Amino acid sequence: MRLLGHPAAKPLFLVLGLLPALWLTAAAVTDQLGANPAEALIRSLGDWALRALVLVLAITPLRQGFGWPQLARFRRMAGLFVFFYASLHWLSYVWFDMGFVWADVLADVPRRPFILVGTLAWLLLLALAGTSFNRAVRALGAARWRALHRAVYAVAVLVVLHFFWMRAGKQDFVEVAVYAVLLGSLLGWRIWRQWTDHRSPAPASAG
């Protein structure tokens, strides 16, 4: 798809990725987030982090399945959007639920399982975002960098678990099931590709 390689494609992708944050900011300022704006903001930011994660994991299957190599240009930015919205989600919890009292945060995180796994997912995303640049690839070496960035699979599992426990109190699992199927399918595709690549015979050498 030629449009993906256009010079304006990445700036447009950046703007589109920032639109949810801008909309939520405007909604908060104009009191459009409902009766419980803090909860609405926290959940909406978490939803956008989850959607960005699905997009990140879908880029490689779409690129290979449809023959769109230009999609690889957007993977790093999409990954940074996952971290961006996950960070806003976590900081909103620290601000609105804990009032930035760090002693209360440290006491609350291990006490509530869904907060604990969400925090673990954010810490993994922090490591991935901090090593997403070319200098980090050179410093770590390609093999170690790829091994570290496979932690995105653990992030996906932790995020689904976080979402499940968060919705368990209200017995509302429809969205959880949708995201679990999406992320499970994308992770399953990667496992299948690695297994088939491993089993593929090496090409015979010439001569």
N, C-alpha and C. Protein backbone atom coordinates (compact mmCIF):
# COMPACT_ATOMS: atom_id res chain seq x y z
N MET A 1 0.85 -1.19 0.00
CA MET A 1 0.00 0.00 0.00
C MET A 1 0.89 1.24 0.00
N ARG A 2 0.85 2.00 -1.08
CA ARG A 2 1.77 3.12 -1.27
C ARG A 2 1.57 4.22 -0.23
N LEU A 3 0.34 4.43 0.21
CA LEU A 3 0.08 5.51 1.15
C LEU A 3 0.86 5.33 2.45
N LEU A 4 1.14 4.07 2.83
CA LEU A 4 1.87 3.82 4.06
C LEU A 4 3.31 4.32 3.98
N GLY A 5 3.85 4.41 2.78
CA GLY A 5 5.21 4.89 2.61
C GLY A 5 5.30 6.38 2.35
N HIS A 6 4.18 7.07 2.31
CA HIS A 6 4.18 8.52 2.04
C HIS A 6 4.84 9.26 3.20
N PRO A 7 5.60 10.32 2.93
CA PRO A 7 6.26 11.07 4.02
C PRO A 7 5.30 11.61 5.08
N ALA A 8 4.05 11.87 4.68
CA ALA A 8 3.09 12.41 5.64
C ALA A 8 2.41 11.33 6.48
N ALA A 9 2.68 10.05 6.18
CA ALA A 9 1.96 8.97 6.87
C ALA A 9 2.31 8.92 8.36
N LYS A 10 3.59 9.04 8.70
CA LYS A 10 3.97 8.97 10.11
C LYS A 10 3.48 10.17 10.91
N PRO A 11 3.61 11.41 10.41
CA PRO A 11 3.00 12.53 11.15
C PRO A 11 1.50 12.37 11.34
N LEU A 12 0.80 11.85 10.32
CA LEU A 12 -0.63 11.63 10.44
C LEU A 12 -0.92 10.57 11.50
N PHE A 13 -0.11 9.51 11.53
CA PHE A 13 -0.28 8.46 12.53
C PHE A 13 -0.06 9.03 13.93
N LEU A 14 0.91 9.93 14.08
CA LEU A 14 1.16 10.57 15.37
C LEU A 14 -0.05 11.37 15.82
N VAL A 15 -0.62 12.14 14.91
CA VAL A 15 -1.79 12.96 15.25
C VAL A 15 -2.97 12.07 15.64
N LEU A 16 -3.20 11.02 14.86
CA LEU A 16 -4.31 10.11 15.16
C LEU A 16 -4.11 9.45 16.53
N GLY A 17 -2.86 9.09 16.83
CA GLY A 17 -2.59 8.45 18.11
C GLY A 17 -2.80 9.37 19.30
N LEU A 18 -2.64 10.67 19.08
CA LEU A 18 -2.81 11.63 20.17
C LEU A 18 -4.26 12.10 20.33
N LEU A 19 -5.09 11.86 19.32
CA LEU A 19 -6.47 12.34 19.38
C LEU A 19 -7.25 11.86 20.60
N PRO A 20 -7.16 10.56 20.99
CA PRO A 20 -7.90 10.15 22.18
C PRO A 20 -7.50 10.92 23.43
N ALA A 21 -6.19 11.18 23.60
CA ALA A 21 -5.74 11.94 24.76
C ALA A 21 -6.27 13.36 24.73
N LEU A 22 -6.26 13.96 23.54
CA LEU A 22 -6.78 15.32 23.41
C LEU A 22 -8.28 15.37 23.68
N TRP A 23 -9.00 14.36 23.17
CA TRP A 23 -10.45 14.32 23.40
C TRP A 23 -10.76 14.14 24.88
N LEU A 24 -10.03 13.25 25.56
CA LEU A 24 -10.27 13.02 26.98
C LEU A 24 -9.93 14.26 27.80
N THR A 25 -8.87 14.97 27.41
CA THR A 25 -8.52 16.21 28.10
C THR A 25 -9.64 17.25 27.95
N ALA A 26 -10.13 17.39 26.73
CA ALA A 26 -11.21 18.35 26.49
C ALA A 26 -12.47 17.95 27.25
N ALA A 27 -12.77 16.64 27.26
CA ALA A 27 -13.96 16.17 27.97
C ALA A 27 -13.84 16.40 29.47
N ALA A 28 -12.63 16.23 30.01
CA ALA A 28 -12.43 16.46 31.44
C ALA A 28 -12.59 17.94 31.78
N VAL A 29 -12.04 18.80 30.93
CA VAL A 29 -12.10 20.25 31.18
C VAL A 29 -13.53 20.76 31.08
N THR A 30 -14.30 20.20 30.15
CA THR A 30 -15.68 20.66 29.94
C THR A 30 -16.71 19.82 30.69
N ASP A 31 -16.23 18.97 31.61
CA ASP A 31 -17.11 18.17 32.47
C ASP A 31 -18.05 17.29 31.66
N GLN A 32 -17.46 16.55 30.70
CA GLN A 32 -18.25 15.66 29.84
C GLN A 32 -17.98 14.19 30.11
N LEU A 33 -17.40 13.87 31.26
CA LEU A 33 -17.03 12.48 31.55
C LEU A 33 -18.01 11.77 32.46
N GLY A 34 -19.17 12.36 32.68
CA GLY A 34 -20.20 11.67 33.45
C GLY A 34 -20.14 11.96 34.93
N ALA A 35 -20.89 11.14 35.68
CA ALA A 35 -21.03 11.37 37.12
C ALA A 35 -19.75 11.10 37.89
N ASN A 36 -18.91 10.21 37.38
CA ASN A 36 -17.65 9.89 38.05
C ASN A 36 -16.51 10.12 37.05
N PRO A 37 -16.11 11.37 36.86
CA PRO A 37 -15.12 11.66 35.82
C PRO A 37 -13.77 11.01 36.05
N ALA A 38 -13.36 10.87 37.31
CA ALA A 38 -12.06 10.26 37.59
C ALA A 38 -12.04 8.81 37.12
N GLU A 39 -13.08 8.05 37.46
CA GLU A 39 -13.15 6.66 37.04
C GLU A 39 -13.25 6.56 35.52
N ALA A 40 -14.03 7.43 34.91
CA ALA A 40 -14.18 7.41 33.46
C ALA A 40 -12.84 7.68 32.77
N LEU A 41 -12.08 8.61 33.31
CA LEU A 41 -10.78 8.95 32.73
C LEU A 41 -9.80 7.80 32.88
N ILE A 42 -9.74 7.21 34.07
CA ILE A 42 -8.82 6.09 34.31
C ILE A 42 -9.14 4.94 33.37
N ARG A 43 -10.41 4.59 33.27
CA ARG A 43 -10.79 3.44 32.44
C ARG A 43 -10.60 3.73 30.96
N SER A 44 -10.92 4.94 30.54
CA SER A 44 -10.76 5.27 29.12
C SER A 44 -9.29 5.23 28.70
N LEU A 45 -8.41 5.72 29.54
CA LEU A 45 -6.98 5.68 29.24
C LEU A 45 -6.49 4.23 29.18
N GLY A 46 -6.99 3.40 30.08
CA GLY A 46 -6.63 1.98 30.03
C GLY A 46 -7.14 1.31 28.78
N ASP A 47 -8.35 1.67 28.35
CA ASP A 47 -8.91 1.10 27.12
C ASP A 47 -8.04 1.47 25.91
N TRP A 48 -7.58 2.71 25.86
CA TRP A 48 -6.76 3.13 24.72
C TRP A 48 -5.39 2.48 24.74
N ALA A 49 -4.84 2.25 25.93
CA ALA A 49 -3.58 1.51 26.01
C ALA A 49 -3.76 0.09 25.48
N LEU A 50 -4.89 -0.53 25.82
CA LEU A 50 -5.17 -1.88 25.36
C LEU A 50 -5.37 -1.93 23.85
N ARG A 51 -6.08 -0.96 23.31
CA ARG A 51 -6.28 -0.90 21.85
C ARG A 51 -4.95 -0.71 21.12
N ALA A 52 -4.09 0.14 21.67
CA ALA A 52 -2.78 0.35 21.06
C ALA A 52 -1.95 -0.93 21.11
N LEU A 53 -2.07 -1.70 22.19
CA LEU A 53 -1.34 -2.96 22.30
C LEU A 53 -1.81 -3.95 21.24
N VAL A 54 -3.12 -4.02 21.02
CA VAL A 54 -3.64 -4.88 19.96
C VAL A 54 -3.07 -4.46 18.61
N LEU A 55 -3.02 -3.15 18.38
CA LEU A 55 -2.48 -2.65 17.12
C LEU A 55 -1.01 -3.05 16.95
N VAL A 56 -0.22 -2.90 18.00
CA VAL A 56 1.20 -3.27 17.93
C VAL A 56 1.37 -4.73 17.54
N LEU A 57 0.62 -5.59 18.21
CA LEU A 57 0.75 -7.02 17.95
C LEU A 57 0.17 -7.42 16.59
N ALA A 58 -0.71 -6.58 16.04
CA ALA A 58 -1.31 -6.89 14.74
C ALA A 58 -0.46 -6.44 13.57
N ILE A 59 0.51 -5.57 13.81
CA ILE A 59 1.27 -5.00 12.70
C ILE A 59 2.02 -6.06 11.91
N THR A 60 2.73 -6.95 12.59
CA THR A 60 3.50 -7.98 11.86
C THR A 60 2.60 -8.94 11.09
N PRO A 61 1.53 -9.49 11.69
CA PRO A 61 0.64 -10.34 10.89
C PRO A 61 0.05 -9.62 9.68
N LEU A 62 -0.36 -8.38 9.85
CA LEU A 62 -0.90 -7.62 8.71
C LEU A 62 0.18 -7.36 7.66
N ARG A 63 1.36 -7.02 8.13
CA ARG A 63 2.46 -6.74 7.19
C ARG A 63 2.79 -7.97 6.36
N GLN A 64 2.86 -9.13 7.01
CA GLN A 64 3.22 -10.35 6.29
C GLN A 64 2.03 -10.92 5.52
N GLY A 65 0.84 -10.83 6.10
CA GLY A 65 -0.32 -11.42 5.45
C GLY A 65 -0.77 -10.68 4.21
N PHE A 66 -0.65 -9.35 4.22
CA PHE A 66 -1.13 -8.55 3.10
C PHE A 66 0.01 -8.01 2.23
N GLY A 67 1.24 -8.31 2.62
CA GLY A 67 2.37 -7.81 1.83
C GLY A 67 2.52 -6.31 1.92
N TRP A 68 2.42 -5.77 3.14
CA TRP A 68 2.54 -4.34 3.38
C TRP A 68 3.81 -4.07 4.20
N PRO A 69 4.99 -4.16 3.63
CA PRO A 69 6.21 -3.98 4.42
C PRO A 69 6.31 -2.60 5.05
N GLN A 70 5.63 -1.60 4.49
CA GLN A 70 5.72 -0.25 5.03
C GLN A 70 5.13 -0.13 6.44
N LEU A 71 4.28 -1.11 6.82
CA LEU A 71 3.70 -1.07 8.15
C LEU A 71 4.75 -1.12 9.25
N ALA A 72 5.90 -1.72 8.95
CA ALA A 72 6.96 -1.82 9.96
C ALA A 72 7.40 -0.44 10.44
N ARG A 73 7.22 0.60 9.62
CA ARG A 73 7.61 1.96 9.99
C ARG A 73 6.84 2.47 11.20
N PHE A 74 5.66 1.90 11.45
CA PHE A 74 4.78 2.43 12.48
C PHE A 74 4.84 1.64 13.79
N ARG A 75 5.59 0.55 13.80
CA ARG A 75 5.57 -0.34 14.97
C ARG A 75 6.14 0.36 16.21
N ARG A 76 7.28 1.05 16.04
CA ARG A 76 7.88 1.71 17.20
C ARG A 76 6.97 2.78 17.76
N MET A 77 6.39 3.61 16.90
CA MET A 77 5.50 4.66 17.37
C MET A 77 4.26 4.08 18.04
N ALA A 78 3.73 3.01 17.47
CA ALA A 78 2.56 2.37 18.09
C ALA A 78 2.91 1.83 19.47
N GLY A 79 4.10 1.24 19.60
CA GLY A 79 4.54 0.75 20.89
C GLY A 79 4.68 1.87 21.91
N LEU A 80 5.18 3.01 21.48
CA LEU A 80 5.30 4.16 22.38
C LEU A 80 3.93 4.70 22.78
N PHE A 81 2.95 4.57 21.89
CA PHE A 81 1.58 4.97 22.27
C PHE A 81 1.03 4.02 23.34
N VAL A 82 1.35 2.74 23.27
CA VAL A 82 0.93 1.83 24.34
C VAL A 82 1.47 2.33 25.67
N PHE A 83 2.77 2.64 25.69
CA PHE A 83 3.40 3.12 26.93
C PHE A 83 2.80 4.46 27.36
N PHE A 84 2.56 5.34 26.41
CA PHE A 84 2.00 6.66 26.71
C PHE A 84 0.65 6.54 27.41
N TYR A 85 -0.27 5.76 26.82
CA TYR A 85 -1.60 5.64 27.42
C TYR A 85 -1.59 4.81 28.69
N ALA A 86 -0.72 3.80 28.75
CA ALA A 86 -0.60 3.01 29.98
C ALA A 86 -0.05 3.87 31.12
N SER A 87 0.90 4.76 30.80
CA SER A 87 1.46 5.65 31.82
C SER A 87 0.41 6.64 32.31
N LEU A 88 -0.37 7.20 31.40
CA LEU A 88 -1.44 8.11 31.82
C LEU A 88 -2.48 7.36 32.65
N HIS A 89 -2.77 6.13 32.28
CA HIS A 89 -3.71 5.30 33.03
C HIS A 89 -3.21 5.07 34.46
N TRP A 90 -1.94 4.69 34.58
CA TRP A 90 -1.37 4.41 35.90
C TRP A 90 -1.25 5.68 36.74
N LEU A 91 -0.81 6.77 36.12
CA LEU A 91 -0.67 8.03 36.85
C LEU A 91 -2.03 8.59 37.27
N SER A 92 -3.06 8.33 36.47
CA SER A 92 -4.41 8.76 36.86
C SER A 92 -4.87 8.01 38.11
N TYR A 93 -4.55 6.72 38.18
CA TYR A 93 -4.85 5.95 39.39
C TYR A 93 -4.09 6.53 40.59
N VAL A 94 -2.80 6.83 40.40
CA VAL A 94 -2.00 7.39 41.49
C VAL A 94 -2.55 8.74 41.93
N TRP A 95 -3.01 9.53 40.98
CA TRP A 95 -3.51 10.87 41.29
C TRP A 95 -4.91 10.82 41.90
N PHE A 96 -5.86 10.23 41.17
CA PHE A 96 -7.26 10.31 41.60
C PHE A 96 -7.61 9.34 42.72
N ASP A 97 -7.02 8.15 42.70
CA ASP A 97 -7.33 7.17 43.74
C ASP A 97 -6.45 7.33 44.98
N MET A 98 -5.18 7.69 44.77
CA MET A 98 -4.22 7.71 45.87
C MET A 98 -3.76 9.11 46.26
N GLY A 99 -4.16 10.13 45.47
CA GLY A 99 -3.78 11.49 45.80
C GLY A 99 -2.28 11.75 45.79
N PHE A 100 -1.55 10.97 45.01
CA PHE A 100 -0.08 11.07 44.93
C PHE A 100 0.58 10.85 46.29
N VAL A 101 -0.06 10.10 47.15
CA VAL A 101 0.57 9.71 48.43
C VAL A 101 1.27 8.38 48.18
N TRP A 102 2.60 8.43 48.00
CA TRP A 102 3.32 7.25 47.53
C TRP A 102 3.32 6.12 48.55
N ALA A 103 3.24 6.45 49.83
CA ALA A 103 3.15 5.39 50.84
C ALA A 103 1.86 4.60 50.67
N ASP A 104 0.77 5.30 50.33
CA ASP A 104 -0.51 4.62 50.09
C ASP A 104 -0.45 3.78 48.81
N VAL A 105 0.24 4.31 47.80
CA VAL A 105 0.39 3.55 46.56
C VAL A 105 1.14 2.25 46.81
N LEU A 106 2.26 2.34 47.52
CA LEU A 106 3.07 1.15 47.80
C LEU A 106 2.31 0.13 48.64
N ALA A 107 1.41 0.61 49.50
CA ALA A 107 0.60 -0.31 50.29
C ALA A 107 -0.53 -0.91 49.48
N ASP A 108 -1.07 -0.14 48.53
CA ASP A 108 -2.24 -0.57 47.77
C ASP A 108 -1.89 -1.56 46.66
N VAL A 109 -0.75 -1.35 46.01
CA VAL A 109 -0.39 -2.18 44.85
C VAL A 109 -0.35 -3.66 45.18
N PRO A 110 0.38 -4.11 46.22
CA PRO A 110 0.40 -5.56 46.48
C PRO A 110 -0.89 -6.09 47.10
N ARG A 111 -1.74 -5.20 47.61
CA ARG A 111 -2.97 -5.64 48.27
C ARG A 111 -4.06 -6.01 47.28
N ARG A 112 -4.06 -5.37 46.12
CA ARG A 112 -5.11 -5.61 45.12
C ARG A 112 -4.50 -6.25 43.88
N PRO A 113 -4.87 -7.50 43.59
CA PRO A 113 -4.21 -8.22 42.48
C PRO A 113 -4.29 -7.50 41.15
N PHE A 114 -5.42 -6.87 40.82
CA PHE A 114 -5.52 -6.26 39.50
C PHE A 114 -4.63 -5.02 39.39
N ILE A 115 -4.40 -4.33 40.51
CA ILE A 115 -3.45 -3.22 40.51
C ILE A 115 -2.02 -3.76 40.39
N LEU A 116 -1.75 -4.86 41.05
CA LEU A 116 -0.41 -5.44 41.02
C LEU A 116 -0.01 -5.87 39.61
N VAL A 117 -0.89 -6.63 38.93
CA VAL A 117 -0.52 -7.09 37.59
C VAL A 117 -0.49 -5.93 36.59
N GLY A 118 -1.35 -4.93 36.80
CA GLY A 118 -1.31 -3.75 35.94
C GLY A 118 0.00 -2.98 36.11
N THR A 119 0.46 -2.88 37.35
CA THR A 119 1.73 -2.21 37.61
C THR A 119 2.90 -2.99 37.02
N LEU A 120 2.87 -4.30 37.14
CA LEU A 120 3.92 -5.13 36.54
C LEU A 120 3.94 -4.95 35.02
N ALA A 121 2.76 -4.90 34.40
CA ALA A 121 2.70 -4.67 32.95
C ALA A 121 3.28 -3.31 32.60
N TRP A 122 2.99 -2.29 33.41
CA TRP A 122 3.52 -0.96 33.13
C TRP A 122 5.05 -0.93 33.27
N LEU A 123 5.59 -1.63 34.27
CA LEU A 123 7.04 -1.66 34.45
C LEU A 123 7.72 -2.35 33.27
N LEU A 124 7.10 -3.40 32.74
CA LEU A 124 7.65 -4.03 31.54
C LEU A 124 7.59 -3.08 30.35
N LEU A 125 6.49 -2.36 30.22
CA LEU A 125 6.38 -1.38 29.14
C LEU A 125 7.43 -0.27 29.29
N LEU A 126 7.73 0.10 30.52
CA LEU A 126 8.76 1.10 30.77
C LEU A 126 10.11 0.62 30.24
N ALA A 127 10.42 -0.66 30.50
CA ALA A 127 11.67 -1.23 30.01
C ALA A 127 11.69 -1.28 28.48
N LEU A 128 10.56 -1.62 27.88
CA LEU A 128 10.49 -1.70 26.42
C LEU A 128 10.59 -0.31 25.79
N ALA A 129 9.88 0.66 26.37
CA ALA A 129 9.94 2.01 25.82
C ALA A 129 11.34 2.60 25.96
N GLY A 130 12.00 2.33 27.08
CA GLY A 130 13.33 2.87 27.31
C GLY A 130 14.40 2.27 26.42
N THR A 131 14.10 1.12 25.83
CA THR A 131 15.08 0.45 24.94
C THR A 131 14.56 0.36 23.51
N SER A 132 13.64 1.23 23.15
CA SER A 132 13.03 1.15 21.82
C SER A 132 13.81 1.91 20.76
N PHE A 133 14.88 2.56 21.14
CA PHE A 133 15.60 3.43 20.21
C PHE A 133 16.86 2.74 19.68
N ASN A 134 17.35 3.24 18.56
CA ASN A 134 18.48 2.60 17.89
C ASN A 134 19.71 2.50 18.77
N ARG A 135 19.95 3.50 19.59
CA ARG A 135 21.11 3.46 20.48
C ARG A 135 21.02 2.28 21.45
N ALA A 136 19.81 2.00 21.95
CA ALA A 136 19.63 0.87 22.85
C ALA A 136 19.85 -0.45 22.13
N VAL A 137 19.43 -0.54 20.88
CA VAL A 137 19.65 -1.76 20.09
C VAL A 137 21.14 -2.01 19.95
N ARG A 138 21.89 -0.95 19.65
CA ARG A 138 23.35 -1.11 19.50
C ARG A 138 24.00 -1.47 20.83
N ALA A 139 23.54 -0.87 21.92
CA ALA A 139 24.14 -1.13 23.23
C ALA A 139 23.87 -2.55 23.71
N LEU A 140 22.65 -3.03 23.50
CA LEU A 140 22.27 -4.37 23.96
C LEU A 140 22.73 -5.47 23.01
N GLY A 141 22.84 -5.14 21.73
CA GLY A 141 23.05 -6.17 20.73
C GLY A 141 21.71 -6.67 20.24
N ALA A 142 21.63 -7.04 18.97
CA ALA A 142 20.35 -7.39 18.36
C ALA A 142 19.68 -8.57 19.05
N ALA A 143 20.46 -9.60 19.39
CA ALA A 143 19.87 -10.81 19.97
C ALA A 143 19.27 -10.52 21.35
N ARG A 144 20.01 -9.82 22.20
CA ARG A 144 19.50 -9.51 23.53
C ARG A 144 18.33 -8.52 23.46
N TRP A 145 18.41 -7.58 22.50
CA TRP A 145 17.31 -6.63 22.34
C TRP A 145 16.04 -7.36 21.94
N ARG A 146 16.13 -8.30 20.99
CA ARG A 146 14.93 -9.06 20.59
C ARG A 146 14.40 -9.89 21.75
N ALA A 147 15.28 -10.49 22.53
CA ALA A 147 14.84 -11.30 23.68
C ALA A 147 14.10 -10.42 24.69
N LEU A 148 14.64 -9.24 24.95
CA LEU A 148 13.97 -8.33 25.89
C LEU A 148 12.60 -7.92 25.38
N HIS A 149 12.50 -7.63 24.09
CA HIS A 149 11.24 -7.12 23.55
C HIS A 149 10.20 -8.20 23.34
N ARG A 150 10.57 -9.45 23.54
CA ARG A 150 9.55 -10.49 23.59
C ARG A 150 8.71 -10.38 24.86
N ALA A 151 9.14 -9.54 25.79
CA ALA A 151 8.34 -9.29 27.00
C ALA A 151 6.99 -8.70 26.67
N VAL A 152 6.80 -8.22 25.44
CA VAL A 152 5.48 -7.71 25.06
C VAL A 152 4.43 -8.81 25.16
N TYR A 153 4.85 -10.08 25.00
CA TYR A 153 3.91 -11.19 25.15
C TYR A 153 3.44 -11.28 26.61
N ALA A 154 4.38 -11.12 27.55
CA ALA A 154 4.02 -11.12 28.97
C ALA A 154 3.13 -9.94 29.30
N VAL A 155 3.40 -8.81 28.68
CA VAL A 155 2.55 -7.63 28.88
C VAL A 155 1.12 -7.93 28.47
N ALA A 156 0.95 -8.58 27.32
CA ALA A 156 -0.40 -8.90 26.83
C ALA A 156 -1.14 -9.79 27.82
N VAL A 157 -0.47 -10.79 28.37
CA VAL A 157 -1.10 -11.69 29.35
C VAL A 157 -1.47 -10.93 30.61
N LEU A 158 -0.55 -10.12 31.11
CA LEU A 158 -0.81 -9.36 32.33
C LEU A 158 -1.94 -8.36 32.14
N VAL A 159 -2.01 -7.75 30.97
CA VAL A 159 -3.06 -6.76 30.71
C VAL A 159 -4.44 -7.42 30.68
N VAL A 160 -4.54 -8.57 30.05
CA VAL A 160 -5.82 -9.28 30.03
C VAL A 160 -6.22 -9.69 31.45
N LEU A 161 -5.25 -10.16 32.24
CA LEU A 161 -5.54 -10.53 33.63
C LEU A 161 -5.97 -9.31 34.43
N HIS A 162 -5.30 -8.19 34.22
CA HIS A 162 -5.67 -6.93 34.88
C HIS A 162 -7.11 -6.54 34.54
N PHE A 163 -7.43 -6.62 33.26
CA PHE A 163 -8.76 -6.26 32.79
C PHE A 163 -9.81 -7.21 33.36
N PHE A 164 -9.49 -8.51 33.41
CA PHE A 164 -10.42 -9.51 33.94
C PHE A 164 -10.73 -9.24 35.41
N TRP A 165 -9.70 -9.05 36.22
CA TRP A 165 -9.91 -8.81 37.64
C TRP A 165 -10.63 -7.49 37.88
N MET A 166 -10.36 -6.49 37.06
CA MET A 166 -11.02 -5.20 37.21
C MET A 166 -12.52 -5.32 36.96
N ARG A 167 -12.91 -6.15 35.99
CA ARG A 167 -14.32 -6.31 35.66
C ARG A 167 -15.01 -7.39 36.48
N ALA A 168 -14.24 -8.18 37.23
CA ALA A 168 -14.83 -9.32 37.96
C ALA A 168 -15.86 -8.85 38.99
N GLY A 169 -15.61 -7.69 39.61
CA GLY A 169 -16.53 -7.22 40.64
C GLY A 169 -17.92 -6.95 40.10
N LYS A 170 -18.01 -6.55 38.83
CA LYS A 170 -19.31 -6.25 38.22
C LYS A 170 -19.81 -7.38 37.32
N GLN A 171 -19.06 -8.48 37.30
CA GLN A 171 -19.43 -9.63 36.45
C GLN A 171 -19.64 -9.21 35.00
N ASP A 172 -18.79 -8.34 34.51
CA ASP A 172 -18.89 -7.83 33.14
C ASP A 172 -17.67 -8.29 32.36
N PHE A 173 -17.85 -9.38 31.61
CA PHE A 173 -16.69 -10.01 30.97
C PHE A 173 -16.75 -9.97 29.44
N VAL A 174 -17.71 -9.27 28.87
CA VAL A 174 -17.85 -9.28 27.42
C VAL A 174 -16.63 -8.66 26.76
N GLU A 175 -16.26 -7.44 27.17
CA GLU A 175 -15.09 -6.80 26.59
C GLU A 175 -13.82 -7.57 26.90
N VAL A 176 -13.75 -8.12 28.10
CA VAL A 176 -12.58 -8.93 28.47
C VAL A 176 -12.41 -10.08 27.49
N ALA A 177 -13.51 -10.74 27.18
CA ALA A 177 -13.45 -11.89 26.26
C ALA A 177 -13.02 -11.44 24.87
N VAL A 178 -13.51 -10.29 24.41
CA VAL A 178 -13.14 -9.79 23.08
C VAL A 178 -11.65 -9.55 23.00
N TYR A 179 -11.10 -8.84 23.98
CA TYR A 179 -9.67 -8.54 23.95
C TYR A 179 -8.83 -9.78 24.19
N ALA A 180 -9.32 -10.70 25.02
CA ALA A 180 -8.59 -11.94 25.25
C ALA A 180 -8.49 -12.75 23.96
N VAL A 181 -9.58 -12.81 23.20
CA VAL A 181 -9.56 -13.53 21.92
C VAL A 181 -8.62 -12.85 20.93
N LEU A 182 -8.70 -11.53 20.84
CA LEU A 182 -7.83 -10.79 19.92
C LEU A 182 -6.36 -11.00 20.26
N LEU A 183 -6.00 -10.76 21.51
CA LEU A 183 -4.61 -10.89 21.91
C LEU A 183 -4.15 -12.34 21.86
N GLY A 184 -5.03 -13.27 22.27
CA GLY A 184 -4.68 -14.68 22.20
C GLY A 184 -4.44 -15.13 20.77
N SER A 185 -5.25 -14.64 19.84
CA SER A 185 -5.07 -15.00 18.43
C SER A 185 -3.75 -14.45 17.89
N LEU A 186 -3.43 -13.21 18.25
CA LEU A 186 -2.19 -12.60 17.77
C LEU A 186 -0.96 -13.29 18.35
N LEU A 187 -1.03 -13.64 19.64
CA LEU A 187 0.09 -14.36 20.24
C LEU A 187 0.19 -15.77 19.67
N GLY A 188 -0.96 -16.40 19.44
CA GLY A 188 -0.96 -17.74 18.84
C GLY A 188 -0.35 -17.72 17.44
N TRP A 189 -0.63 -16.68 16.68
CA TRP A 189 -0.04 -16.55 15.34
C TRP A 189 1.47 -16.50 15.43
N ARG A 190 1.99 -15.74 16.41
CA ARG A 190 3.44 -15.64 16.55
C ARG A 190 4.07 -16.97 16.94
N ILE A 191 3.43 -17.69 17.84
CA ILE A 191 3.94 -19.00 18.24
C ILE A 191 3.95 -19.94 17.04
N TRP A 192 2.87 -19.91 16.25
CA TRP A 192 2.79 -20.77 15.07
C TRP A 192 3.88 -20.41 14.07
N ARG A 193 4.11 -19.10 13.84
CA ARG A 193 5.14 -18.70 12.90
C ARG A 193 6.53 -19.12 13.36
N GLN A 194 6.82 -18.96 14.65
CA GLN A 194 8.11 -19.38 15.16
C GLN A 194 8.30 -20.88 15.04
N TRP A 195 7.22 -21.63 15.28
CA TRP A 195 7.30 -23.09 15.19
C TRP A 195 7.53 -23.53 13.75
N THR A 196 6.80 -22.92 12.81
CA THR A 196 6.97 -23.30 11.40
C THR A 196 8.32 -22.86 10.87
N ASP A 197 8.80 -21.68 11.29
CA ASP A 197 10.13 -21.23 10.84
C ASP A 197 11.21 -22.15 11.38
N HIS A 198 11.02 -22.62 12.61
CA HIS A 198 12.00 -23.51 13.22
C HIS A 198 12.05 -24.86 12.49
N ARG A 199 10.88 -25.32 12.03
CA ARG A 199 10.80 -26.62 11.37
C ARG A 199 11.16 -26.57 9.90
N SER A 200 11.19 -25.37 9.32
CA SER A 200 11.49 -25.25 7.90
C SER A 200 12.93 -25.67 7.64
N PRO A 201 13.16 -26.52 6.64
CA PRO A 201 14.53 -26.96 6.35
C PRO A 201 15.37 -25.81 5.84
N ALA A 202 16.63 -25.80 6.22
CA ALA A 202 17.54 -24.77 5.74
C ALA A 202 17.80 -24.97 4.26
N PRO A 203 17.95 -23.88 3.48
CA PRO A 203 18.18 -24.02 2.04
C PRO A 203 19.51 -24.70 1.78
N ALA A 204 19.53 -25.53 0.74
CA ALA A 204 20.75 -26.24 0.40
C ALA A 204 21.78 -25.28 -0.13
N SER A 205 23.02 -25.47 0.26
CA SER A 205 24.09 -24.58 -0.20
C SER A 205 24.43 -24.88 -1.65
N ALA A 206 24.83 -23.85 -2.37
CA ALA A 206 25.16 -24.00 -3.77
C ALA A 206 26.46 -24.79 -3.92
N GLY A 207 26.53 -25.60 -4.91
CA GLY A 207 27.75 -26.37 -5.18
C GLY A 207 27.86 -27.54 -4.25
